[in-house]
Protein backbone atom coordinates (compact mmCIF):
# COMPACT_ATOMS: atom_id res chain seq x y z
CA MET A 1 0.00 0.00 0.00
CA SER A 2 1.06 3.60 -0.55
CA LYS A 3 1.62 5.98 2.33
CA ILE A 4 -1.51 7.88 1.32
CA GLN A 5 -3.58 4.69 1.35
CA ASP A 6 -2.05 3.76 4.73
CA ALA A 7 -3.06 7.15 6.15
CA ILE A 8 -6.70 6.86 5.12
CA VAL A 9 -6.96 3.24 6.25
CA GLU A 10 -5.64 4.35 9.65
CA LEU A 11 -8.11 7.25 9.72
CA ARG A 12 -10.98 4.85 9.08
CA ARG A 13 -10.20 3.22 12.44
CA ALA A 14 -11.04 6.47 14.28
CA PRO A 15 -14.30 6.54 16.24
CA GLY A 16 -17.32 7.45 14.11
CA VAL A 17 -15.43 7.40 10.80
CA LYS A 18 -17.25 5.33 8.16
CA GLY A 19 -14.80 5.95 5.36
CA ALA A 20 -12.20 8.22 3.86
CA ALA A 21 -10.85 9.06 0.42
CA VAL A 22 -8.38 11.35 -1.27
CA VAL A 23 -9.81 12.85 -4.44
CA THR A 24 -8.34 15.18 -7.03
CA ARG A 25 -9.79 18.59 -7.83
CA ASP A 26 -11.26 17.19 -11.05
CA GLY A 27 -13.12 14.42 -9.22
CA LEU A 28 -10.85 11.39 -9.60
CA VAL A 29 -10.21 8.97 -6.73
CA ALA A 30 -6.54 8.90 -5.73
CA ALA A 31 -7.05 6.54 -2.76
CA SER A 32 -10.02 5.31 -0.76
CA ALA A 33 -11.06 3.30 2.26
CA LEU A 34 -14.83 3.25 1.85
CA ASP A 35 -17.39 0.55 2.61
CA ALA A 36 -19.03 -1.41 -0.19
CA SER A 37 -22.22 0.68 -0.12
CA THR A 38 -20.35 3.92 -0.79
CA GLY A 39 -19.38 4.51 -4.40
CA PRO A 40 -15.92 6.12 -4.55
CA ASP A 41 -16.68 7.83 -7.87
CA VAL A 42 -19.82 9.42 -6.42
CA VAL A 43 -17.93 10.62 -3.36
CA ALA A 44 -15.12 12.02 -5.53
CA GLY A 45 -17.42 13.83 -7.93
CA LEU A 46 -19.57 15.34 -5.21
CA ALA A 47 -16.62 16.41 -3.04
CA SER A 48 -14.86 17.98 -5.99
CA TYR A 49 -17.98 19.89 -7.01
CA LEU A 50 -18.72 21.10 -3.47
CA LEU A 51 -15.19 22.34 -2.83
CA MET A 52 -14.91 23.96 -6.26
CA SER A 53 -18.27 25.73 -5.86
CA THR A 54 -17.48 26.86 -2.32
CA ASN A 55 -14.11 28.26 -3.35
CA ARG A 56 -15.64 30.06 -6.32
CA CYS A 57 -18.20 31.74 -4.07
CA LEU A 58 -15.53 32.68 -1.54
CA SER A 59 -13.33 34.11 -4.29
CA GLU A 60 -16.19 36.18 -5.68
CA GLY A 61 -16.70 37.58 -2.18
CA GLY A 62 -13.01 38.48 -1.92
CA LEU A 63 -12.27 35.77 0.65
CA SER A 64 -9.50 33.19 0.76
CA PRO A 65 -10.11 29.55 -0.28
CA CYS A 66 -11.77 27.03 2.00
CA GLU A 67 -9.40 24.93 4.12
CA SER A 68 -12.03 22.63 5.62
CA LEU A 69 -15.77 22.17 5.23
CA THR A 70 -18.00 20.03 7.45
CA ILE A 71 -21.48 19.06 6.29
CA PHE A 72 -24.13 17.83 8.74
CA ALA A 73 -26.93 15.77 7.16
CA THR A 74 -29.64 13.42 8.39
CA ASN A 75 -27.77 10.23 7.46
CA GLY A 76 -24.24 11.29 8.36
CA ARG A 77 -21.59 13.94 8.40
CA THR A 78 -18.81 14.70 5.93
CA ARG A 79 -15.62 16.69 6.29
CA LEU A 80 -13.71 17.94 3.26
CA VAL A 81 -10.13 19.09 3.88
CA SER A 82 -8.18 20.88 1.16
CA LEU A 83 -4.82 19.31 0.26
CA ASP A 84 -3.73 21.89 -2.34
CA ASP A 85 -4.29 19.85 -5.54
CA ALA A 86 -6.55 17.28 -3.87
CA CYS A 87 -9.06 16.89 -1.07
CA LEU A 88 -9.40 14.51 1.87
CA VAL A 89 -13.00 13.35 2.28
CA VAL A 90 -13.95 11.89 5.66
CA LEU A 91 -17.38 10.28 6.09
CA PHE A 92 -18.82 10.01 9.61
CA ASP A 93 -21.84 8.12 10.87
CA GLN A 94 -24.99 10.08 11.68
CA PHE A 95 -24.51 9.95 15.46
CA SER A 96 -20.86 10.98 15.63
CA GLU A 97 -19.46 14.40 16.38
CA PRO A 98 -16.77 15.09 13.75
CA SER A 99 -14.86 17.45 16.04
CA LYS A 100 -14.03 14.49 18.30
CA SER A 101 -11.89 13.10 15.46
CA ASP A 102 -9.98 16.33 14.79
CA LYS A 103 -6.65 14.87 15.94
CA ASP A 104 -7.11 11.78 13.75
CA VAL A 105 -8.03 13.89 10.71
CA ASP A 106 -5.11 16.28 11.33
CA ALA A 107 -2.71 13.31 11.59
CA ALA A 108 -4.01 11.89 8.31
CA VAL A 109 -3.67 15.27 6.58
CA ALA A 110 -0.07 15.60 7.81
CA SER A 111 0.78 12.07 6.62
CA ILE A 112 -0.78 12.67 3.20
CA ARG A 113 1.03 16.00 2.77
CA ARG A 114 4.35 14.34 3.70
CA ALA A 115 3.66 11.60 1.15
CA TYR A 116 2.95 14.24 -1.53
CA ARG A 117 6.34 15.84 -0.87
CA ILE A 118 8.11 12.50 -1.20
CA SER A 119 6.37 11.57 -4.47
């Protein structure tokens, strides 16, 4: 496994985390640790679109790009974390509090960024 894949597999072990993926800005899956019911292509396309749209709106308002975005929905929570040319997508179950996994997400982001520098 690659270091990026290792980082998201480790993140998936965090409490409340249902899955994780690294996706490119154009919606391609670079690495994923998702369950069978979650389509990686759907996650990648949606995450890419949401981050791109959010950043466009922020730019039009004269604000800096989004670093992290957390979405709370009926069936779960999602956190998108910008990785320059990619995005870390973390899926949480509906009863979890994403902020309780901040340290795990931050550790995964640091590992992925280190792996990018090595590549």
